[in-house]
Structures are given as C-alpha cells and as structure tokens.
Amino acid sequence: MLKDRTIVWILEYVFGGILVVVPLASLVLRRLAWSYPHTWATKLFVTCLGVILISCASSMRQRMILAKRIDKLTEQM
C-alpha cells in the first residue's frame, strides 16, 4: 500500500505539476511575443493534460483512503 501511495503522490505532484507549470509558464512569459497558434494550442493542451492527471491522481488517492477505511471497518466487524 505504501508503494501505491508513493506512486500516486509522484504522479499527482511531480508529473502533473510539470505538465501544468512548464507550458503555462512559457505561455505567460511569452505572452507578448509572437508565436504560432498551433504552438500555443499545444502548450494549452499539455497544460490541460496536467490538470486532468492531477485530478485523476487526487481521486485515486481518495479511493485508496476509502479502501483503507473499509478494511478497518471489516476488521472491526
């Protein structure tokens, strides 16, 4: 269970954060510079993928906490 929680934490904060911060920062920093529309759209798409990854990992973490609580309840019964 510890490995699963660590993997979910890494996915949620590290990979998801990188997918959100890097393209979004480049969009903000180069806002005034001219860029191709498809480059801008690709960066926005990658940012959205990062947000989706963070939300999926967060819900997976909540499910694992719920499963742990259910296991404790079944042990008590």
Protein backbone atom coordinates (compact mmCIF):
# COMPACT_ATOMS: atom_id res chain seq x y z
CA MET A 1 0.00 0.00 0.00
CA LEU A 2 2.90 2.36 0.73
CA LYS A 3 4.27 1.92 -2.79
CA ASP A 4 0.87 2.72 -4.27
CA ARG A 5 0.54 5.91 -2.24
CA THR A 6 4.05 6.97 -3.24
CA ILE A 7 3.37 6.36 -6.91
CA VAL A 8 0.13 8.32 -6.78
CA TRP A 9 1.86 11.17 -4.96
CA ILE A 10 4.62 11.27 -7.58
CA LEU A 11 2.08 11.25 -10.40
CA GLU A 12 -0.04 13.89 -8.78
CA TYR A 13 2.51 16.44 -7.71
CA VAL A 14 5.61 15.85 -9.82
CA PHE A 15 4.43 14.84 -13.28
CA GLY A 16 1.15 16.71 -13.12
CA GLY A 17 2.88 19.79 -11.77
CA ILE A 18 5.49 19.69 -14.50
CA LEU A 19 2.80 19.29 -17.15
CA VAL A 20 0.96 22.30 -15.75
CA VAL A 21 3.77 24.65 -14.78
CA VAL A 22 6.17 24.36 -17.73
CA PRO A 23 3.77 25.04 -20.64
CA LEU A 24 1.72 27.53 -18.65
CA ALA A 25 4.83 29.46 -17.62
CA SER A 26 6.05 29.61 -21.19
CA LEU A 27 2.63 30.87 -22.29
CA VAL A 28 2.66 33.60 -19.65
CA LEU A 29 6.28 34.62 -20.18
CA ARG A 30 5.94 34.76 -23.94
CA ARG A 31 2.51 36.33 -23.93
CA LEU A 32 3.72 39.44 -25.65
CA ALA A 33 5.93 37.60 -28.13
CA TRP A 34 4.59 36.41 -31.46
CA SER A 35 4.04 32.67 -31.67
CA TYR A 36 2.32 30.23 -33.92
CA PRO A 37 -1.27 29.38 -32.98
CA HIS A 38 -0.62 25.64 -33.08
CA THR A 39 2.29 26.03 -30.63
CA TRP A 40 0.06 27.97 -28.26
CA ALA A 41 -2.71 25.39 -28.61
CA THR A 42 -0.27 22.53 -27.98
CA LYS A 43 1.02 24.16 -24.80
CA LEU A 44 -2.52 24.74 -23.61
CA PHE A 45 -3.42 21.12 -24.41
CA VAL A 46 -0.44 19.83 -22.40
CA THR A 47 -1.42 22.08 -19.51
CA CYS A 48 -4.94 20.63 -19.60
CA LEU A 49 -3.48 17.11 -19.59
CA GLY A 50 -1.53 18.00 -16.45
CA VAL A 51 -4.66 19.26 -14.73
CA ILE A 52 -6.51 16.08 -15.69
CA LEU A 53 -3.63 13.97 -14.38
CA ILE A 54 -3.63 15.81 -11.07
CA SER A 55 -7.39 15.41 -10.66
CA CYS A 56 -7.30 11.69 -11.53
CA ALA A 57 -4.44 11.05 -9.13
CA SER A 58 -6.21 13.02 -6.42
CA SER A 59 -9.36 10.95 -6.81
CA MET A 60 -7.28 7.76 -6.80
CA ARG A 61 -5.69 8.87 -3.53
CA GLN A 62 -9.16 9.43 -2.05
CA ARG A 63 -10.25 5.97 -3.20
CA MET A 64 -7.23 4.38 -1.56
CA ILE A 65 -8.01 6.19 1.71
CA LEU A 66 -11.62 4.97 1.46
CA ALA A 67 -10.47 1.39 0.80
CA LYS A 68 -8.24 1.57 3.88
CA ARG A 69 -11.17 2.76 5.99
CA ILE A 70 -13.39 -0.03 4.65
CA ASP A 71 -10.70 -2.60 5.50
CA LYS A 72 -10.52 -1.27 9.06
CA LEU A 73 -14.31 -1.46 9.36
CA THR A 74 -14.41 -5.07 8.14
CA GLU A 75 -11.67 -5.98 10.62
CA GLN A 76 -13.70 -4.47 13.44
CA MET A 77 -16.80 -6.41 12.46
